N, C-alpha and C. Protein backbone atom coordinates (compact mmCIF):
# COMPACT_ATOMS: atom_id res chain seq x y z
N THR A 1 -18.63 -33.67 -53.85
CA THR A 1 -18.49 -34.38 -52.59
C THR A 1 -18.69 -35.89 -52.77
N GLY A 2 -19.44 -36.30 -53.77
CA GLY A 2 -19.65 -37.72 -54.02
C GLY A 2 -18.36 -38.43 -54.37
N LEU A 3 -17.54 -37.79 -55.22
CA LEU A 3 -16.25 -38.36 -55.61
C LEU A 3 -15.35 -38.55 -54.40
N LEU A 4 -15.24 -37.54 -53.57
CA LEU A 4 -14.38 -37.62 -52.39
C LEU A 4 -14.88 -38.68 -51.41
N PHE A 5 -16.19 -38.77 -51.24
CA PHE A 5 -16.78 -39.77 -50.34
C PHE A 5 -16.47 -41.18 -50.84
N VAL A 6 -16.68 -41.43 -52.14
CA VAL A 6 -16.43 -42.75 -52.71
C VAL A 6 -14.96 -43.11 -52.59
N ASN A 7 -14.08 -42.20 -52.95
CA ASN A 7 -12.65 -42.46 -52.90
C ASN A 7 -12.20 -42.78 -51.47
N LYS A 8 -12.67 -42.00 -50.51
CA LYS A 8 -12.31 -42.22 -49.10
C LYS A 8 -12.78 -43.59 -48.62
N LYS A 9 -14.02 -43.97 -48.96
CA LYS A 9 -14.56 -45.27 -48.55
C LYS A 9 -13.77 -46.42 -49.18
N LEU A 10 -13.37 -46.26 -50.44
CA LEU A 10 -12.60 -47.31 -51.10
C LEU A 10 -11.24 -47.49 -50.44
N VAL A 11 -10.57 -46.39 -50.15
CA VAL A 11 -9.24 -46.45 -49.55
C VAL A 11 -9.31 -46.96 -48.11
N LEU A 12 -10.18 -46.38 -47.31
CA LEU A 12 -10.29 -46.78 -45.90
C LEU A 12 -10.91 -48.16 -45.74
N GLY A 13 -11.72 -48.57 -46.70
CA GLY A 13 -12.37 -49.88 -46.64
C GLY A 13 -11.48 -51.01 -47.15
N ASP A 14 -10.25 -50.68 -47.52
CA ASP A 14 -9.28 -51.67 -47.99
C ASP A 14 -9.74 -52.40 -49.25
N PHE A 15 -10.42 -51.67 -50.13
CA PHE A 15 -10.84 -52.21 -51.42
C PHE A 15 -9.65 -52.21 -52.39
N LYS A 16 -9.67 -53.13 -53.35
CA LYS A 16 -8.72 -53.11 -54.45
C LYS A 16 -9.22 -52.18 -55.55
N SER A 17 -10.53 -52.00 -55.63
CA SER A 17 -11.17 -51.18 -56.67
C SER A 17 -10.83 -49.70 -56.45
N ARG A 18 -10.78 -48.95 -57.56
CA ARG A 18 -10.41 -47.53 -57.49
C ARG A 18 -11.22 -46.69 -58.47
N VAL A 19 -11.40 -45.42 -58.12
CA VAL A 19 -11.99 -44.44 -59.04
C VAL A 19 -10.95 -44.13 -60.10
N VAL A 20 -11.33 -44.25 -61.37
CA VAL A 20 -10.39 -43.98 -62.46
C VAL A 20 -10.89 -42.89 -63.41
N LEU A 21 -12.14 -42.47 -63.24
CA LEU A 21 -12.72 -41.51 -64.17
C LEU A 21 -13.71 -40.62 -63.45
N PHE A 22 -13.62 -39.33 -63.69
CA PHE A 22 -14.59 -38.38 -63.15
C PHE A 22 -14.82 -37.31 -64.20
N VAL A 23 -16.02 -37.27 -64.75
CA VAL A 23 -16.35 -36.28 -65.78
C VAL A 23 -17.74 -35.71 -65.47
N HIS A 24 -17.80 -34.44 -65.17
CA HIS A 24 -19.05 -33.71 -64.91
C HIS A 24 -19.99 -34.44 -63.95
N ASP A 25 -20.89 -35.25 -64.49
CA ASP A 25 -21.90 -35.93 -63.68
C ASP A 25 -21.70 -37.46 -63.67
N SER A 26 -20.48 -37.91 -63.94
CA SER A 26 -20.23 -39.34 -64.04
C SER A 26 -18.99 -39.74 -63.25
N LEU A 27 -19.04 -40.94 -62.69
CA LEU A 27 -17.88 -41.54 -62.04
C LEU A 27 -17.63 -42.88 -62.69
N GLY A 28 -16.37 -43.24 -62.87
CA GLY A 28 -16.00 -44.55 -63.40
C GLY A 28 -15.04 -45.23 -62.46
N LEU A 29 -15.26 -46.50 -62.20
CA LEU A 29 -14.41 -47.27 -61.30
C LEU A 29 -13.87 -48.50 -62.01
N ASP A 30 -12.64 -48.88 -61.68
CA ASP A 30 -12.13 -50.20 -62.01
C ASP A 30 -12.47 -51.05 -60.80
N VAL A 31 -13.28 -52.09 -61.02
CA VAL A 31 -13.81 -52.89 -59.92
C VAL A 31 -13.37 -54.34 -60.05
N PHE A 32 -12.86 -54.89 -58.97
CA PHE A 32 -12.51 -56.30 -58.94
C PHE A 32 -13.78 -57.11 -58.72
N PRO A 33 -13.92 -58.26 -59.39
CA PRO A 33 -15.17 -59.04 -59.35
C PRO A 33 -15.73 -59.29 -57.95
N GLY A 34 -14.93 -59.57 -56.98
CA GLY A 34 -15.42 -59.84 -55.64
C GLY A 34 -15.96 -58.62 -54.92
N GLU A 35 -15.73 -57.44 -55.48
CA GLU A 35 -16.16 -56.19 -54.86
C GLU A 35 -17.28 -55.50 -55.63
N LEU A 36 -17.83 -56.16 -56.64
CA LEU A 36 -18.79 -55.51 -57.53
C LEU A 36 -20.02 -55.00 -56.79
N TRP A 37 -20.69 -55.86 -56.04
CA TRP A 37 -21.92 -55.44 -55.37
C TRP A 37 -21.64 -54.33 -54.35
N GLN A 38 -20.56 -54.46 -53.58
CA GLN A 38 -20.24 -53.43 -52.58
C GLN A 38 -19.95 -52.09 -53.25
N CYS A 39 -19.25 -52.11 -54.37
CA CYS A 39 -18.95 -50.86 -55.08
C CYS A 39 -20.21 -50.24 -55.68
N MET A 40 -21.10 -51.07 -56.21
CA MET A 40 -22.36 -50.55 -56.74
C MET A 40 -23.17 -49.89 -55.63
N SER A 41 -23.26 -50.55 -54.51
CA SER A 41 -24.01 -50.03 -53.38
C SER A 41 -23.39 -48.73 -52.86
N LEU A 42 -22.07 -48.71 -52.75
CA LEU A 42 -21.36 -47.51 -52.29
C LEU A 42 -21.60 -46.34 -53.24
N LEU A 43 -21.48 -46.58 -54.53
CA LEU A 43 -21.67 -45.53 -55.53
C LEU A 43 -23.09 -44.97 -55.49
N LYS A 44 -24.06 -45.85 -55.43
CA LYS A 44 -25.46 -45.41 -55.40
C LYS A 44 -25.74 -44.59 -54.14
N ASN A 45 -25.29 -45.06 -52.99
CA ASN A 45 -25.47 -44.34 -51.73
C ASN A 45 -24.77 -42.98 -51.77
N ALA A 46 -23.56 -42.96 -52.27
CA ALA A 46 -22.77 -41.71 -52.30
C ALA A 46 -23.42 -40.66 -53.18
N LEU A 47 -23.92 -41.07 -54.33
CA LEU A 47 -24.45 -40.09 -55.28
C LEU A 47 -25.91 -39.73 -55.04
N GLU A 48 -26.68 -40.64 -54.47
CA GLU A 48 -28.09 -40.34 -54.25
C GLU A 48 -28.36 -39.77 -52.86
N ARG A 49 -27.54 -40.10 -51.89
CA ARG A 49 -27.82 -39.64 -50.52
C ARG A 49 -26.74 -38.70 -49.99
N HIS A 50 -25.50 -39.17 -49.96
CA HIS A 50 -24.43 -38.40 -49.34
C HIS A 50 -24.16 -37.08 -50.04
N ALA A 51 -24.06 -37.12 -51.36
CA ALA A 51 -23.70 -35.92 -52.12
C ALA A 51 -24.74 -34.82 -52.02
N THR A 52 -25.98 -35.16 -51.70
CA THR A 52 -27.05 -34.16 -51.67
C THR A 52 -27.49 -33.77 -50.26
N ARG A 53 -26.91 -34.35 -49.23
CA ARG A 53 -27.42 -34.10 -47.88
C ARG A 53 -27.24 -32.65 -47.42
N ASN A 54 -26.27 -31.94 -47.97
CA ASN A 54 -26.06 -30.54 -47.59
C ASN A 54 -26.65 -29.55 -48.59
N ILE A 55 -27.37 -30.05 -49.57
CA ILE A 55 -27.99 -29.18 -50.57
C ILE A 55 -29.46 -29.03 -50.18
N THR A 56 -29.72 -28.07 -49.31
CA THR A 56 -31.06 -27.92 -48.75
C THR A 56 -32.08 -27.39 -49.77
N TRP A 57 -31.62 -26.71 -50.80
CA TRP A 57 -32.54 -26.15 -51.78
C TRP A 57 -33.03 -27.19 -52.79
N LEU A 58 -32.38 -28.37 -52.84
CA LEU A 58 -32.78 -29.40 -53.78
C LEU A 58 -34.03 -30.11 -53.27
N LYS A 59 -35.13 -29.97 -53.97
CA LYS A 59 -36.43 -30.49 -53.52
C LYS A 59 -36.84 -31.80 -54.18
N VAL A 60 -36.08 -32.24 -55.17
CA VAL A 60 -36.40 -33.51 -55.83
C VAL A 60 -35.29 -34.52 -55.50
N PRO A 61 -35.62 -35.79 -55.47
CA PRO A 61 -34.59 -36.79 -55.17
C PRO A 61 -33.57 -36.90 -56.30
N MET A 62 -32.31 -37.09 -55.95
CA MET A 62 -31.25 -37.30 -56.92
C MET A 62 -31.18 -38.79 -57.21
N ARG A 63 -31.14 -39.16 -58.45
CA ARG A 63 -31.05 -40.56 -58.85
C ARG A 63 -29.84 -40.74 -59.75
N CYS A 64 -29.20 -41.89 -59.62
CA CYS A 64 -28.09 -42.18 -60.52
C CYS A 64 -28.33 -43.52 -61.20
N ASP A 65 -27.85 -43.64 -62.40
CA ASP A 65 -27.91 -44.88 -63.16
C ASP A 65 -26.56 -45.56 -63.05
N LEU A 66 -26.57 -46.87 -62.93
CA LEU A 66 -25.34 -47.65 -62.86
C LEU A 66 -25.25 -48.58 -64.06
N GLU A 67 -24.05 -48.73 -64.59
CA GLU A 67 -23.78 -49.67 -65.66
C GLU A 67 -22.46 -50.35 -65.36
N PHE A 68 -22.34 -51.62 -65.75
CA PHE A 68 -21.05 -52.28 -65.61
C PHE A 68 -20.77 -53.17 -66.81
N GLY A 69 -19.51 -53.47 -67.01
CA GLY A 69 -19.09 -54.32 -68.11
C GLY A 69 -17.59 -54.43 -68.11
N THR A 70 -17.03 -54.87 -69.22
CA THR A 70 -15.58 -55.01 -69.31
C THR A 70 -14.92 -53.79 -69.96
N SER A 71 -15.72 -52.96 -70.60
CA SER A 71 -15.21 -51.72 -71.19
C SER A 71 -16.38 -50.76 -71.33
N PHE A 72 -16.09 -49.51 -71.63
CA PHE A 72 -17.14 -48.51 -71.75
C PHE A 72 -18.12 -48.86 -72.87
N GLY A 73 -17.65 -49.49 -73.91
CA GLY A 73 -18.50 -49.83 -75.04
C GLY A 73 -19.38 -51.05 -74.85
N SER A 74 -19.13 -51.84 -73.81
CA SER A 74 -19.93 -53.05 -73.61
C SER A 74 -20.37 -53.12 -72.15
N THR A 75 -21.38 -52.32 -71.83
CA THR A 75 -21.88 -52.30 -70.46
C THR A 75 -23.34 -52.73 -70.41
N LEU A 76 -23.75 -53.17 -69.23
CA LEU A 76 -25.14 -53.52 -68.97
C LEU A 76 -25.68 -52.57 -67.92
N LYS A 77 -26.90 -52.13 -68.09
CA LYS A 77 -27.52 -51.20 -67.15
C LYS A 77 -28.09 -51.98 -65.96
N ILE A 78 -27.79 -51.50 -64.76
CA ILE A 78 -28.31 -52.11 -63.55
C ILE A 78 -29.67 -51.51 -63.26
N LYS A 79 -30.67 -52.37 -63.15
CA LYS A 79 -32.03 -51.93 -62.89
C LYS A 79 -32.27 -51.75 -61.39
N GLU A 80 -31.75 -52.70 -60.59
CA GLU A 80 -32.00 -52.65 -59.16
C GLU A 80 -30.93 -53.41 -58.38
N LEU A 81 -30.58 -52.88 -57.21
CA LEU A 81 -29.70 -53.57 -56.27
C LEU A 81 -30.54 -53.93 -55.06
N SER A 82 -30.57 -55.18 -54.69
CA SER A 82 -31.34 -55.55 -53.50
C SER A 82 -30.40 -55.69 -52.31
N PRO A 83 -30.91 -55.49 -51.10
CA PRO A 83 -30.07 -55.57 -49.90
C PRO A 83 -29.41 -56.93 -49.69
N ASP A 84 -29.98 -57.98 -50.29
CA ASP A 84 -29.39 -59.31 -50.12
C ASP A 84 -28.31 -59.62 -51.15
N GLY A 85 -27.88 -58.61 -51.90
CA GLY A 85 -26.77 -58.78 -52.83
C GLY A 85 -27.15 -59.17 -54.23
N LYS A 86 -28.43 -59.21 -54.56
CA LYS A 86 -28.86 -59.55 -55.91
C LYS A 86 -28.88 -58.31 -56.79
N ILE A 87 -28.54 -58.50 -58.05
CA ILE A 87 -28.49 -57.41 -59.02
C ILE A 87 -29.46 -57.73 -60.15
N SER A 88 -30.39 -56.81 -60.43
CA SER A 88 -31.30 -56.96 -61.57
C SER A 88 -30.79 -56.10 -62.71
N LEU A 89 -30.71 -56.69 -63.88
CA LEU A 89 -30.24 -55.98 -65.05
C LEU A 89 -31.41 -55.61 -65.94
N SER A 90 -31.29 -54.47 -66.62
CA SER A 90 -32.30 -54.12 -67.61
C SER A 90 -31.69 -54.32 -68.98
N GLY A 91 -32.53 -54.51 -69.95
CA GLY A 91 -32.04 -54.75 -71.30
C GLY A 91 -32.49 -56.10 -71.80
N LYS A 92 -31.98 -56.48 -72.95
CA LYS A 92 -32.38 -57.71 -73.60
C LYS A 92 -31.43 -58.85 -73.23
N ALA A 93 -31.91 -60.05 -73.36
CA ALA A 93 -31.07 -61.23 -73.11
C ALA A 93 -29.87 -61.24 -74.06
N ASP A 94 -30.06 -60.72 -75.27
CA ASP A 94 -28.96 -60.66 -76.23
C ASP A 94 -27.83 -59.78 -75.72
N ASP A 95 -28.18 -58.70 -75.01
CA ASP A 95 -27.16 -57.81 -74.45
C ASP A 95 -26.29 -58.58 -73.46
N TRP A 96 -26.94 -59.35 -72.60
CA TRP A 96 -26.22 -60.14 -71.60
C TRP A 96 -25.36 -61.20 -72.29
N ALA A 97 -25.93 -61.90 -73.25
CA ALA A 97 -25.20 -62.96 -73.94
C ALA A 97 -23.97 -62.42 -74.66
N ALA A 98 -24.07 -61.20 -75.16
CA ALA A 98 -22.97 -60.61 -75.92
C ALA A 98 -21.73 -60.38 -75.06
N ILE A 99 -21.90 -60.07 -73.79
CA ILE A 99 -20.71 -59.80 -72.97
C ILE A 99 -20.49 -60.81 -71.85
N HIS A 100 -21.36 -61.83 -71.75
CA HIS A 100 -21.26 -62.81 -70.67
C HIS A 100 -19.89 -63.48 -70.62
N GLU A 101 -19.39 -63.91 -71.77
CA GLU A 101 -18.10 -64.59 -71.81
C GLU A 101 -16.97 -63.65 -71.39
N GLU A 102 -17.04 -62.40 -71.83
CA GLU A 102 -16.03 -61.41 -71.42
C GLU A 102 -16.03 -61.23 -69.91
N LEU A 103 -17.23 -61.21 -69.31
CA LEU A 103 -17.34 -61.00 -67.86
C LEU A 103 -16.73 -62.16 -67.09
N ILE A 104 -16.88 -63.38 -67.59
CA ILE A 104 -16.35 -64.55 -66.90
C ILE A 104 -14.83 -64.50 -66.82
N ILE A 105 -14.17 -64.10 -67.88
CA ILE A 105 -12.70 -64.13 -67.90
C ILE A 105 -12.06 -62.81 -67.46
N ALA A 106 -12.87 -61.79 -67.23
CA ALA A 106 -12.31 -60.48 -66.87
C ALA A 106 -11.69 -60.50 -65.48
N THR A 107 -10.57 -59.81 -65.34
CA THR A 107 -9.95 -59.68 -64.02
C THR A 107 -10.43 -58.42 -63.32
N LYS A 108 -10.97 -57.49 -64.08
CA LYS A 108 -11.56 -56.27 -63.53
C LYS A 108 -12.76 -55.88 -64.36
N TYR A 109 -13.73 -55.24 -63.72
CA TYR A 109 -14.90 -54.70 -64.42
C TYR A 109 -14.81 -53.19 -64.43
N LYS A 110 -15.56 -52.60 -65.33
CA LYS A 110 -15.74 -51.15 -65.35
C LYS A 110 -17.13 -50.87 -64.79
N LEU A 111 -17.22 -49.97 -63.84
CA LEU A 111 -18.49 -49.58 -63.24
C LEU A 111 -18.65 -48.09 -63.46
N PHE A 112 -19.77 -47.68 -64.04
CA PHE A 112 -20.02 -46.28 -64.35
C PHE A 112 -21.31 -45.82 -63.68
N SER A 113 -21.33 -44.60 -63.21
CA SER A 113 -22.54 -44.02 -62.66
C SER A 113 -22.81 -42.70 -63.36
N TYR A 114 -24.08 -42.41 -63.55
CA TYR A 114 -24.51 -41.17 -64.21
C TYR A 114 -25.61 -40.56 -63.39
N ILE A 115 -25.49 -39.28 -63.12
CA ILE A 115 -26.54 -38.58 -62.37
C ILE A 115 -27.47 -37.92 -63.36
C-alpha cells in the first residue's frame, strides 16, 4: 500500500518525480532537485504511517531509512527531516565532499527508502 500511496500522491500532486524501483522492502524514486524535501517527506510518511495504519497486529513502530544521491552507488543517508525543510545527513564529511559536485550538476537525484 505504501507504493500505491506514494505513486498516487506524486501523480495527483503534479510532481515531476516518479517511482522507478520497487523491490521487497525498498522504493526508489527519480527526484527533481526542487522536489527533494517534499518527496522525502512523502516517502517517510507513506512508509512509516500510511502503510501500517490498517495493520492492527503490528505493535512496534515501522521505521524507514532514506538515502539520496546521483546513483545507487553514491548516496548519503538522511538522519532527520525537520518540518521547516532542513535535512540532516549522517556520515562523514568526506562522504558529502565525494558527491557534492555531482549533486550540484545533477538534473535528477535518486531517492531510496528501506524499511
